[in-house]
PDB file of N, CA and C in Angstrom:
ATOM      1  N   MET A   1      75.683 132.661 113.797  1.00  0.00           N
ATOM      2  CA  MET A   1      76.813 132.071 113.351  1.00  0.00           C
ATOM      3  C   MET A   1      77.019 130.712 112.551  1.00  0.00           C
ATOM      4  N   LYS A   2      75.812 129.964 112.401  1.00  0.00           N
ATOM      5  CA  LYS A   2      75.844 128.642 111.574  1.00  0.00           C
ATOM      6  C   LYS A   2      75.195 129.294 110.388  1.00  0.00           C
ATOM      7  N   LYS A   3      74.761 130.227 110.078  1.00  0.00           N
ATOM      8  CA  LYS A   3      74.153 130.472 108.848  1.00  0.00           C
ATOM      9  C   LYS A   3      75.464 131.439 108.222  1.00  0.00           C
ATOM     10  N   PHE A   4      76.071 132.305 108.774  1.00  0.00           N
ATOM     11  CA  PHE A   4      77.672 132.698 108.487  1.00  0.00           C
ATOM     12  C   PHE A   4      78.495 131.307 107.767  1.00  0.00           C
ATOM     13  N   TYR A   5      78.668 130.406 108.815  1.00  0.00           N
ATOM     14  CA  TYR A   5      79.308 129.255 108.588  1.00  0.00           C
ATOM     15  C   TYR A   5      79.378 128.597 107.293  1.00  0.00           C
ATOM     16  N   ILE A   6      77.751 128.326 106.845  1.00  0.00           N
ATOM     17  CA  ILE A   6      77.098 127.800 105.903  1.00  0.00           C
ATOM     18  C   ILE A   6      77.884 128.914 104.771  1.00  0.00           C
ATOM     19  N   LEU A   7      77.461 130.193 104.965  1.00  0.00           N
ATOM     20  CA  LEU A   7      77.691 131.127 103.938  1.00  0.00           C
ATOM     21  C   LEU A   7      79.041 131.021 103.451  1.00  0.00           C
ATOM     22  N   ILE A   8      80.221 131.044 104.163  1.00  0.00           N
ATOM     23  CA  ILE A   8      81.593 130.973 103.723  1.00  0.00           C
ATOM     24  C   ILE A   8      81.582 129.190 103.177  1.00  0.00           C
ATOM     25  N   CYS A   9      81.108 128.651 103.666  1.00  0.00           N
ATOM     26  CA  CYS A   9      81.225 127.310 102.924  1.00  0.00           C
ATOM     27  C   CYS A   9      81.125 127.169 101.412  1.00  0.00           C
ATOM     28  N   PHE A  10      79.404 127.884 101.076  1.00  0.00           N
ATOM     29  CA  PHE A  10      79.199 127.932  99.827  1.00  0.00           C
ATOM     30  C   PHE A  10      80.000 129.108  99.155  1.00  0.00           C
ATOM     31  N   VAL A  11      80.738 129.854  99.327  1.00  0.00           N
ATOM     32  CA  VAL A  11      81.649 131.147  98.606  1.00  0.00           C
ATOM     33  C   VAL A  11      82.737 129.906  98.696  1.00  0.00           C
ATOM     34  N   LEU A  12      83.342 129.383  99.658  1.00  0.00           N
ATOM     35  CA  LEU A  12      84.469 128.786  99.279  1.00  0.00           C
ATOM     36  C   LEU A  12      84.709 127.537  97.829  1.00  0.00           C
ATOM     37  N   LEU A  13      83.146 126.695  98.371  1.00  0.00           N
ATOM     38  CA  LEU A  13      82.997 125.713  97.080  1.00  0.00           C
ATOM     39  C   LEU A  13      82.880 126.359  95.943  1.00  0.00           C
ATOM     40  N   ALA A  14      82.186 127.591  96.164  1.00  0.00           N
ATOM     41  CA  ALA A  14      81.823 128.324  94.416  1.00  0.00           C
ATOM     42  C   ALA A  14      82.950 128.721  93.927  1.00  0.00           C
ATOM     43  N   PHE A  15      84.099 129.281  95.220  1.00  0.00           N
ATOM     44  CA  PHE A  15      85.556 129.564  94.230  1.00  0.00           C
ATOM     45  C   PHE A  15      86.191 128.480  93.855  1.00  0.00           C
ATOM     46  N   PHE A  16      86.294 127.408  94.643  1.00  0.00           N
ATOM     47  CA  PHE A  16      86.649 126.220  94.000  1.00  0.00           C
ATOM     48  C   PHE A  16      86.378 125.486  92.896  1.00  0.00           C
ATOM     49  N   ALA A  17      85.017 125.435  92.827  1.00  0.00           N
ATOM     50  CA  ALA A  17      84.209 124.941  91.853  1.00  0.00           C
ATOM     51  C   ALA A  17      84.363 125.798  90.334  1.00  0.00           C
ATOM     52  N   LYS A  18      84.589 127.100  90.224  1.00  0.00           N
ATOM     53  CA  LYS A  18      85.123 128.227  89.157  1.00  0.00           C
ATOM     54  C   LYS A  18      86.538 127.484  88.689  1.00  0.00           C
ATOM     55  N   SER A  19      87.311 127.573  89.653  1.00  0.00           N
ATOM     56  CA  SER A  19      88.560 127.324  89.384  1.00  0.00           C
ATOM     57  C   SER A  19      89.004 126.006  89.192  1.00  0.00           C
ATOM     58  N   GLN A  20      88.133 125.200  89.374  1.00  0.00           N
ATOM     59  CA  GLN A  20      88.615 123.772  89.129  1.00  0.00           C
ATOM     60  C   GLN A  20      87.270 122.913  88.424  1.00  0.00           C
ATOM     61  N   THR A  21      87.415 121.630  88.174  1.00  0.00           N
ATOM     62  CA  THR A  21      86.697 121.065  87.615  1.00  0.00           C
ATOM     63  C   THR A  21      86.138 120.284  88.744  1.00  0.00           C
ATOM     64  N   LEU A  22      84.499 120.340  88.543  1.00  0.00           N
ATOM     65  CA  LEU A  22      83.743 119.342  89.723  1.00  0.00           C
ATOM     66  C   LEU A  22      83.283 118.141  88.960  1.00  0.00           C
ATOM     67  N   ILE A  23      83.789 117.080  89.800  1.00  0.00           N
ATOM     68  CA  ILE A  23      83.572 115.674  89.494  1.00  0.00           C
ATOM     69  C   ILE A  23      82.678 114.618  90.160  1.00  0.00           C
ATOM     70  N   LEU A  24      82.173 113.962  89.476  1.00  0.00           N
ATOM     71  CA  LEU A  24      81.900 112.549  90.975  1.00  0.00           C
ATOM     72  C   LEU A  24      82.913 111.755  91.225  1.00  0.00           C
ATOM     73  N   ALA A  25      83.015 111.100  92.291  1.00  0.00           N
ATOM     74  CA  ALA A  25      84.037 110.173  92.601  1.00  0.00           C
ATOM     75  C   ALA A  25      84.228 109.095  91.739  1.00  0.00           C
ATOM     76  N   LYS A  26      82.772 108.441  91.123  1.00  0.00           N
ATOM     77  CA  LYS A  26      83.223 107.296  90.259  1.00  0.00           C
ATOM     78  C   LYS A  26      83.826 107.663  89.244  1.00  0.00           C
ATOM     79  N   ASP A  27      83.732 108.934  88.716  1.00  0.00           N
ATOM     80  CA  ASP A  27      84.221 109.380  87.557  1.00  0.00           C
ATOM     81  C   ASP A  27      86.048 109.620  87.470  1.00  0.00           C
ATOM     82  N   ALA A  28      86.489 109.572  88.952  1.00  0.00           N
ATOM     83  CA  ALA A  28      87.933 110.078  89.066  1.00  0.00           C
ATOM     84  C   ALA A  28      89.112 109.496  88.040  1.00  0.00           C
ATOM     85  N   ALA A  29      88.642 108.291  87.876  1.00  0.00           N
ATOM     86  CA  ALA A  29      89.753 107.473  86.526  1.00  0.00           C
ATOM     87  C   ALA A  29      90.066 108.409  85.188  1.00  0.00           C
ATOM     88  N   GLN A  30      88.893 108.718  84.698  1.00  0.00           N
ATOM     89  CA  GLN A  30      88.886 110.081  83.670  1.00  0.00           C
ATOM     90  C   GLN A  30      89.823 111.316  83.891  1.00  0.00           C
ATOM     91  N   TYR A  31      90.229 111.366  85.066  1.00  0.00           N
ATOM     92  CA  TYR A  31      90.894 112.756  85.621  1.00  0.00           C
ATOM     93  C   TYR A  31      92.440 112.812  85.927  1.00  0.00           C
ATOM     94  N   VAL A  32      92.991 111.188  86.085  1.00  0.00           N
ATOM     95  CA  VAL A  32      94.143 111.056  86.650  1.00  0.00           C
ATOM     96  C   VAL A  32      95.029 112.033  85.855  1.00  0.00           C
ATOM     97  N   GLY A  33      95.953 112.895  87.265  1.00  0.00           N
ATOM     98  CA  GLY A  33      96.993 113.919  86.795  1.00  0.00           C
ATOM     99  C   GLY A  33      96.251 115.240  86.208  1.00  0.00           C
ATOM    100  N   LYS A  34      94.851 115.497  86.710  1.00  0.00           N
ATOM    101  CA  LYS A  34      94.330 116.601  86.587  1.00  0.00           C
ATOM    102  C   LYS A  34      93.811 117.087  88.370  1.00  0.00           C
ATOM    103  N   THR A  35      93.705 118.746  88.058  1.00  0.00           N
ATOM    104  CA  THR A  35      93.372 118.756  89.615  1.00  0.00           C
ATOM    105  C   THR A  35      92.082 119.319  89.408  1.00  0.00           C
ATOM    106  N   VAL A  36      91.242 118.446  90.123  1.00  0.00           N
ATOM    107  CA  VAL A  36      89.760 118.502  90.309  1.00  0.00           C
ATOM    108  C   VAL A  36      89.022 118.908  92.045  1.00  0.00           C
ATOM    109  N   THR A  37      87.892 119.053  92.267  1.00  0.00           N
ATOM    110  CA  THR A  37      87.116 119.033  93.054  1.00  0.00           C
ATOM    111  C   THR A  37      86.001 117.721  92.897  1.00  0.00           C
ATOM    112  N   VAL A  38      86.063 116.959  94.301  1.00  0.00           N
ATOM    113  CA  VAL A  38      85.229 116.009  94.173  1.00  0.00           C
ATOM    114  C   VAL A  38      84.450 115.837  95.442  1.00  0.00           C
ATOM    115  N   CYS A  39      82.947 116.274  95.399  1.00  0.00           N
ATOM    116  CA  CYS A  39      82.007 116.083  96.898  1.00  0.00           C
ATOM    117  C   CYS A  39      81.705 114.899  96.827  1.00  0.00           C
ATOM    118  N   ASP A  40      81.527 114.297  98.027  1.00  0.00           N
ATOM    119  CA  ASP A  40      80.935 112.865  98.257  1.00  0.00           C
ATOM    120  C   ASP A  40      80.886 112.514  99.605  1.00  0.00           C
ATOM    121  N   SER A  41      80.174 111.818 100.429  1.00  0.00           N
ATOM    122  CA  SER A  41      80.155 111.181 101.798  1.00  0.00           C
ATOM    123  C   SER A  41      81.662 110.499 102.273  1.00  0.00           C
ATOM    124  N   VAL A  42      82.049 110.692 102.954  1.00  0.00           N
ATOM    125  CA  VAL A  42      83.113 109.703 103.786  1.00  0.00           C
ATOM    126  C   VAL A  42      82.377 108.543 104.380  1.00  0.00           C
ATOM    127  N   TYR A  43      82.835 107.439 103.776  1.00  0.00           N
ATOM    128  CA  TYR A  43      82.155 106.299 104.299  1.00  0.00           C
ATOM    129  C   TYR A  43      83.114 105.544 105.410  1.00  0.00           C
ATOM    130  N   GLY A  44      84.331 105.761 105.399  1.00  0.00           N
ATOM    131  CA  GLY A  44      85.384 105.297 106.291  1.00  0.00           C
ATOM    132  C   GLY A  44      86.472 105.888 106.826  1.00  0.00           C
ATOM    133  N   THR A  45      87.411 105.435 107.746  1.00  0.00           N
ATOM    134  CA  THR A  45      88.880 106.252 107.606  1.00  0.00           C
ATOM    135  C   THR A  45      89.614 105.340 108.312  1.00  0.00           C
ATOM    136  N   LYS A  46      90.937 105.444 108.213  1.00  0.00           N
ATOM    137  CA  LYS A  46      91.983 104.416 108.761  1.00  0.00           C
ATOM    138  C   LYS A  46      93.236 105.611 109.198  1.00  0.00           C
ATOM    139  N   ALA A  47      93.240 105.580 110.287  1.00  0.00           N
ATOM    140  CA  ALA A  47      94.424 106.160 110.778  1.00  0.00           C
ATOM    141  C   ALA A  47      96.021 104.997 110.847  1.00  0.00           C
ATOM    142  N   LEU A  48      97.113 105.617 110.269  1.00  0.00           N
ATOM    143  CA  LEU A  48      98.117 104.581 110.254  1.00  0.00           C
ATOM    144  C   LEU A  48      99.158 105.432 110.693  1.00  0.00           C
ATOM    145  N   GLU A  49     100.112 104.809 110.687  1.00  0.00           N
ATOM    146  CA  GLU A  49     101.292 105.512 111.654  1.00  0.00           C
ATOM    147  C   GLU A  49     102.200 106.951 110.976  1.00  0.00           C
ATOM    148  N   LYS A  50     102.248 106.381 109.353  1.00  0.00           N
ATOM    149  CA  LYS A  50     102.469 107.362 108.468  1.00  0.00           C
ATOM    150  C   LYS A  50     101.550 108.184 107.547  1.00  0.00           C
ATOM    151  N   LEU A  51     100.403 107.780 107.894  1.00  0.00           N
ATOM    152  CA  LEU A  51      99.255 108.584 107.017  1.00  0.00           C
ATOM    153  C   LEU A  51      97.986 107.976 107.575  1.00  0.00           C
ATOM    154  N   SER A  52      96.601 109.450 107.161  1.00  0.00           N
ATOM    155  CA  SER A  52      95.719 108.974 107.643  1.00  0.00           C
ATOM    156  C   SER A  52      94.876 108.862 106.262  1.00  0.00           C
ATOM    157  N   LEU A  53      94.113 107.671 106.043  1.00  0.00           N
ATOM    158  CA  LEU A  53      92.760 107.705 104.654  1.00  0.00           C
ATOM    159  C   LEU A  53      91.413 107.766 104.996  1.00  0.00           C
ATOM    160  N   ILE A  54      91.340 108.551 104.031  1.00  0.00           N
ATOM    161  CA  ILE A  54      89.766 108.924 104.213  1.00  0.00           C
ATOM    162  C   ILE A  54      89.309 108.589 102.963  1.00  0.00           C
ATOM    163  N   ASN A  55      88.413 107.260 102.983  1.00  0.00           N
ATOM    164  CA  ASN A  55      87.491 106.899 101.915  1.00  0.00           C
ATOM    165  C   ASN A  55      85.826 107.374 101.767  1.00  0.00           C
ATOM    166  N   ILE A  56      85.938 107.716 100.250  1.00  0.00           N
ATOM    167  CA  ILE A  56      85.040 108.465  99.902  1.00  0.00           C
ATOM    168  C   ILE A  56      84.041 107.576  98.638  1.00  0.00           C
ATOM    169  N   GLY A  57      82.898 107.586  98.743  1.00  0.00           N
ATOM    170  CA  GLY A  57      82.065 106.849  97.699  1.00  0.00           C
ATOM    171  C   GLY A  57      81.974 105.252  97.796  1.00  0.00           C
ATOM    172  N   GLY A  58      81.942 104.895  98.986  1.00  0.00           N
ATOM    173  CA  GLY A  58      82.343 103.651  99.556  1.00  0.00           C
ATOM    174  C   GLY A  58      82.769 103.243 100.780  1.00  0.00           C
ATOM    175  N   VAL A  59      82.639 102.205 101.168  1.00  0.00           N
ATOM    176  CA  VAL A  59      83.616 101.434 102.156  1.00  0.00           C
ATOM    177  C   VAL A  59      84.441 100.955 101.203  1.00  0.00           C
ATOM    178  N   TYR A  60      86.016 100.642 101.957  1.00  0.00           N
ATOM    179  CA  TYR A  60      87.047  99.920 101.842  1.00  0.00           C
ATOM    180  C   TYR A  60      86.538  98.372 101.855  1.00  0.00           C
ATOM    181  N   PRO A  61      86.719  97.833 100.639  1.00  0.00           N
ATOM    182  CA  PRO A  61      87.895  97.956  99.469  1.00  0.00           C
ATOM    183  C   PRO A  61      86.895  98.393  98.007  1.00  0.00           C
ATOM    184  N   LYS A  62      85.573  98.794  98.562  1.00  0.00           N
ATOM    185  CA  LYS A  62      84.852  99.244  97.383  1.00  0.00           C
ATOM    186  C   LYS A  62      84.627 100.766  97.371  1.00  0.00           C
ATOM    187  N   GLU A  63      85.570 101.744  97.931  1.00  0.00           N
ATOM    188  CA  GLU A  63      85.725 103.247  97.634  1.00  0.00           C
ATOM    189  C   GLU A  63      85.636 103.753  95.979  1.00  0.00           C
ATOM    190  N   LEU A  64      85.731 104.804  95.923  1.00  0.00           N
ATOM    191  CA  LEU A  64      85.661 105.276  94.436  1.00  0.00           C
ATOM    192  C   LEU A  64      87.069 105.821  94.650  1.00  0.00           C
ATOM    193  N   LEU A  65      87.285 106.602  95.954  1.00  0.00           N
ATOM    194  CA  LEU A  65      88.355 107.798  95.957  1.00  0.00           C
ATOM    195  C   LEU A  65      88.893 107.504  97.354  1.00  0.00           C
ATOM    196  N   THR A  66      90.340 107.696  97.426  1.00  0.00           N
ATOM    197  CA  THR A  66      90.659 107.401  99.019  1.00  0.00           C
ATOM    198  C   THR A  66      91.592 109.067  99.210  1.00  0.00           C
ATOM    199  N   ILE A  67      91.430 109.547 100.130  1.00  0.00           N
ATOM    200  CA  ILE A  67      91.961 110.866 100.566  1.00  0.00           C
ATOM    201  C   ILE A  67      93.124 110.597 101.062  1.00  0.00           C
ATOM    202  N   VAL A  68      94.598 111.147 101.151  1.00  0.00           N
ATOM    203  CA  VAL A  68      95.717 110.450 101.691  1.00  0.00           C
ATOM    204  C   VAL A  68      96.528 111.886 102.294  1.00  0.00           C
ATOM    205  N   ILE A  69      96.268 111.984 103.742  1.00  0.00           N
ATOM    206  CA  ILE A  69      97.049 113.129 104.323  1.00  0.00           C
ATOM    207  C   ILE A  69      98.194 112.554 104.804  1.00  0.00           C
ATOM    208  N   ASN A  70      99.105 112.752 104.780  1.00  0.00           N
ATOM    209  CA  ASN A  70     100.641 112.020 105.098  1.00  0.00           C
ATOM    210  C   ASN A  70     101.065 112.668 106.576  1.00  0.00           C
ATOM    211  N   LYS A  71     101.616 111.915 107.062  1.00  0.00           N
ATOM    212  CA  LYS A  71     102.203 112.287 108.772  1.00  0.00           C
ATOM    213  C   LYS A  71     102.459 113.411 108.753  1.00  0.00           C
ATOM    214  N   GLU A  72     103.475 114.525 107.802  1.00  0.00           N
ATOM    215  CA  GLU A  72     104.193 115.470 108.023  1.00  0.00           C
ATOM    216  C   GLU A  72     103.347 116.976 108.078  1.00  0.00           C
ATOM    217  N   ASP A  73     102.078 116.493 107.432  1.00  0.00           N
ATOM    218  CA  ASP A  73     100.947 117.350 107.443  1.00  0.00           C
ATOM    219  C   ASP A  73     100.004 117.124 108.369  1.00  0.00           C
ATOM    220  N   PHE A  74      99.844 116.420 109.516  1.00  0.00           N
ATOM    221  CA  PHE A  74      98.961 116.392 110.341  1.00  0.00           C
ATOM    222  C   PHE A  74      98.666 117.453 111.259  1.00  0.00           C
ATOM    223  N   GLN A  75      99.728 118.113 111.682  1.00  0.00           N
ATOM    224  CA  GLN A  75      99.948 119.219 112.544  1.00  0.00           C
ATOM    225  C   GLN A  75      99.245 120.359 111.687  1.00  0.00           C
ATOM    226  N   LYS A  76      98.949 120.602 110.803  1.00  0.00           N
ATOM    227  CA  LYS A  76      98.401 121.570 109.845  1.00  0.00           C
ATOM    228  C   LYS A  76      96.838 121.844 110.196  1.00  0.00           C
ATOM    229  N   PHE A  77      96.363 120.626 110.511  1.00  0.00           N
ATOM    230  CA  PHE A  77      94.824 120.232 110.571  1.00  0.00           C
ATOM    231  C   PHE A  77      94.311 120.059 112.055  1.00  0.00           C
ATOM    232  N   PRO A  78      93.158 120.851 112.462  1.00  0.00           N
ATOM    233  CA  PRO A  78      93.296 121.334 114.178  1.00  0.00           C
ATOM    234  C   PRO A  78      92.908 119.905 114.677  1.00  0.00           C
ATOM    235  N   SER A  79      92.379 119.117 114.212  1.00  0.00           N
ATOM    236  CA  SER A  79      92.256 117.537 114.917  1.00  0.00           C
ATOM    237  C   SER A  79      92.846 116.522 114.171  1.00  0.00           C
ATOM    238  N   ASP A  80      92.334 115.183 114.590  1.00  0.00           N
ATOM    239  CA  ASP A  80      92.833 114.173 113.557  1.00  0.00           C
ATOM    240  C   ASP A  80      92.077 114.158 112.628  1.00  0.00           C
ATOM    241  N   PRO A  81      92.534 114.431 111.564  1.00  0.00           N
ATOM    242  CA  PRO A  81      91.922 113.919 109.992  1.00  0.00           C
ATOM    243  C   PRO A  81      91.311 112.788 109.887  1.00  0.00           C
ATOM    244  N   SER A  82      91.570 111.423 110.792  1.00  0.00           N
ATOM    245  CA  SER A  82      91.146 110.245 110.293  1.00  0.00           C
ATOM    246  C   SER A  82      89.533 110.671 111.289  1.00  0.00           C
ATOM    247  N   SER A  83      89.437 111.269 112.220  1.00  0.00           N
ATOM    248  CA  SER A  83      88.220 111.273 112.595  1.00  0.00           C
ATOM    249  C   SER A  83      86.993 112.453 112.679  1.00  0.00           C
ATOM    250  N   VAL A  84      87.462 113.301 112.330  1.00  0.00           N
ATOM    251  CA  VAL A  84      87.032 114.569 112.171  1.00  0.00           C
ATOM    252  C   VAL A  84      85.878 114.504 110.901  1.00  0.00           C
ATOM    253  N   TYR A  85      86.043 113.826 110.058  1.00  0.00           N
ATOM    254  CA  TYR A  85      85.480 113.827 108.753  1.00  0.00           C
ATOM    255  C   TYR A  85      84.583 113.063 108.656  1.00  0.00           C
ATOM    256  N   LEU A  86      84.437 111.624 109.496  1.00  0.00           N
ATOM    257  CA  LEU A  86      84.255 110.807 109.292  1.00  0.00           C
ATOM    258  C   LEU A  86      82.791 111.040 109.289  1.00  0.00           C
ATOM    259  N   GLY A  87      81.666 110.345 108.716  1.00  0.00           N
ATOM    260  CA  GLY A  87      80.222 110.867 108.561  1.00  0.00           C
ATOM    261  C   GLY A  87      79.855 111.688 107.862  1.00  0.00           C
ATOM    262  N   ASN A  88      80.695 112.732 107.660  1.00  0.00           N
ATOM    263  CA  ASN A  88      80.619 114.056 106.857  1.00  0.00           C
ATOM    264  C   ASN A  88      80.320 114.113 105.259  1.00  0.00           C
ATOM    265  N   LYS A  89      79.914 114.841 104.928  1.00  0.00           N
ATOM    266  CA  LYS A  89      79.987 114.843 103.178  1.00  0.00           C
ATOM    267  C   LYS A  89      80.828 116.155 102.884  1.00  0.00           C
ATOM    268  N   ILE A  90      81.911 115.644 102.270  1.00  0.00           N
ATOM    269  CA  ILE A  90      83.033 117.036 102.155  1.00  0.00           C
ATOM    270  C   ILE A  90      83.247 117.221 100.611  1.00  0.00           C
ATOM    271  N   CYS A  91      83.580 118.258 100.485  1.00  0.00           N
ATOM    272  CA  CYS A  91      84.373 118.428  99.113  1.00  0.00           C
ATOM    273  C   CYS A  91      86.164 118.215  99.021  1.00  0.00           C
ATOM    274  N   ILE A  92      86.500 117.743  98.381  1.00  0.00           N
ATOM    275  CA  ILE A  92      88.018 117.907  98.205  1.00  0.00           C
ATOM    276  C   ILE A  92      88.392 118.304  96.653  1.00  0.00           C
ATOM    277  N   THR A  93      89.770 119.236  96.752  1.00  0.00           N
ATOM    278  CA  THR A  93      90.134 119.844  95.907  1.00  0.00           C
ATOM    279  C   THR A  93      91.968 119.293  95.842  1.00  0.00           C
ATOM    280  N   GLY A  94      91.869 118.428  94.699  1.00  0.00           N
ATOM    281  CA  GLY A  94      93.470 118.282  95.067  1.00  0.00           C
ATOM    282  C   GLY A  94      93.502 117.507  93.277  1.00  0.00           C
ATOM    283  N   THR A  95      95.057 116.983  92.854  1.00  0.00           N
ATOM    284  CA  THR A  95      95.207 116.254  91.671  1.00  0.00           C
ATOM    285  C   THR A  95      95.255 114.685  91.834  1.00  0.00           C
ATOM    286  N   ILE A  96      94.302 114.181  91.140  1.00  0.00           N
ATOM    287  CA  ILE A  96      94.102 112.705  91.353  1.00  0.00           C
ATOM    288  C   ILE A  96      95.247 111.902  90.774  1.00  0.00           C
ATOM    289  N   SER A  97      95.626 110.912  91.272  1.00  0.00           N
ATOM    290  CA  SER A  97      96.665 110.118  90.924  1.00  0.00           C
ATOM    291  C   SER A  97      95.972 108.653  91.058  1.00  0.00           C
ATOM    292  N   GLU A  98      97.081 107.496  90.931  1.00  0.00           N
ATOM    293  CA  GLU A  98      96.628 106.324  91.059  1.00  0.00           C
ATOM    294  C   GLU A  98      97.727 105.625  92.015  1.00  0.00           C
ATOM    295  N   PHE A  99      97.038 104.402  92.395  1.00  0.00           N
ATOM    296  CA  PHE A  99      97.790 104.120  93.571  1.00  0.00           C
ATOM    297  C   PHE A  99      97.557 102.455  93.552  1.00  0.00           C
ATOM    298  N   LYS A 100      98.492 101.628  93.028  1.00  0.00           N
ATOM    299  CA  LYS A 100      97.895 100.088  93.122  1.00  0.00           C
ATOM    300  C   LYS A 100      96.944 100.117  92.309  1.00  0.00           C
ATOM    301  N   GLY A 101      96.081 100.593  91.509  1.00  0.00           N
ATOM    302  CA  GLY A 101      94.879 100.597  90.916  1.00  0.00           C
ATOM    303  C   GLY A 101      93.653 101.332  91.352  1.00  0.00           C
ATOM    304  N   LYS A 102      94.189 102.003  92.467  1.00  0.00           N
ATOM    305  CA  LYS A 102      93.280 102.511  93.237  1.00  0.00           C
ATOM    306  C   LYS A 102      93.174 104.396  93.103  1.00  0.00           C
ATOM    307  N   TYR A 103      92.572 104.962  93.578  1.00  0.00           N
ATOM    308  CA  TYR A 103      92.502 106.594  92.804  1.00  0.00           C
ATOM    309  C   TYR A 103      92.368 107.272  94.140  1.00  0.00           C
ATOM    310  N   GLN A 104      93.495 108.571  94.090  1.00  0.00           N
ATOM    311  CA  GLN A 104      93.393 108.722  95.535  1.00  0.00           C
ATOM    312  C   GLN A 104      93.771 110.357  95.144  1.00  0.00           C
ATOM    313  N   ILE A 105      93.658 111.167  96.104  1.00  0.00           N
ATOM    314  CA  ILE A 105      94.156 112.452  96.377  1.00  0.00           C
ATOM    315  C   ILE A 105      94.583 112.614  97.287  1.00  0.00           C
ATOM    316  N   VAL A 106      96.128 113.046  97.277  1.00  0.00           N
ATOM    317  CA  VAL A 106      96.772 113.828  98.559  1.00  0.00           C
ATOM    318  C   VAL A 106      96.755 114.909  98.852  1.00  0.00           C
ATOM    319  N   VAL A 107      96.296 114.828 100.186  1.00  0.00           N
ATOM    320  CA  VAL A 107      95.859 116.413 100.885  1.00  0.00           C
ATOM    321  C   VAL A 107      97.096 117.117 101.577  1.00  0.00           C
ATOM    322  N   THR A 108      97.735 118.122 101.263  1.00  0.00           N
ATOM    323  CA  THR A 108      98.509 118.525 102.216  1.00  0.00           C
ATOM    324  C   THR A 108      98.109 119.925 103.186  1.00  0.00           C
ATOM    325  N   GLU A 109      96.799 120.257 102.848  1.00  0.00           N
ATOM    326  CA  GLU A 109      96.597 121.556 103.372  1.00  0.00           C
ATOM    327  C   GLU A 109      95.030 121.441 103.853  1.00  0.00           C
ATOM    328  N   PRO A 110      94.439 121.957 105.286  1.00  0.00           N
ATOM    329  CA  PRO A 110      93.351 122.111 105.462  1.00  0.00           C
ATOM    330  C   PRO A 110      92.363 122.519 104.630  1.00  0.00           C
ATOM    331  N   LYS A 111      92.743 123.409 103.796  1.00  0.00           N
ATOM    332  CA  LYS A 111      91.627 124.202 103.067  1.00  0.00           C
ATOM    333  C   LYS A 111      91.158 123.349 101.874  1.00  0.00           C
ATOM    334  N   GLN A 112      92.126 122.368 101.494  1.00  0.00           N
ATOM    335  CA  GLN A 112      91.424 121.501 100.413  1.00  0.00           C
ATOM    336  C   GLN A 112      90.226 120.535 100.614  1.00  0.00           C
ATOM    337  N   ILE A 113      89.989 120.614 102.144  1.00  0.00           N
ATOM    338  CA  ILE A 113      88.846 119.859 102.690  1.00  0.00           C
ATOM    339  C   ILE A 113      87.791 120.875 102.973  1.00  0.00           C
ATOM    340  N   VAL A 114      86.673 120.734 102.580  1.00  0.00           N
ATOM    341  CA  VAL A 114      85.801 121.594 102.988  1.00  0.00           C
ATOM    342  C   VAL A 114      84.284 120.719 103.149  1.00  0.00           C
ATOM    343  N   VAL A 115      83.756 120.678 104.664  1.00  0.00           N
ATOM    344  CA  VAL A 115      82.769 119.909 104.817  1.00  0.00           C
ATOM    345  C   VAL A 115      81.790 120.668 104.417  1.00  0.00           C
ATOM    346  N   LYS A 116      80.621 119.745 103.976  1.00  0.00           N
ATOM    347  CA  LYS A 116      79.190 120.234 103.470  1.00  0.00           C
ATOM    348  C   LYS A 116      78.587 120.745 104.748  1.00  0.00           C
TER     349      LYS A 116
END
């Protein structure tokens, strides 16, 4: 079963990589406004009242990219996004934006995040 799950993850990753540009988190500034796939490790998370933050590429405040999941999208996820991804390497597909000098991807669907 584990091999099947790994195979599905690779198929999904291949699909997203083909349809999207695969970049490093450190290069996010060059892709603001573009839809990309970023793969990196989760270094920290924070659950707030209105959103969850997932920091990749480094520990806050030196994270390279923040994944933002708004409260209205929490019910789409099988469990709390701020805890389920902590310590994992993930691939995120979405549009990079800038907020207060930091780079982020707002995730609205669980399928945008694949655990590697």
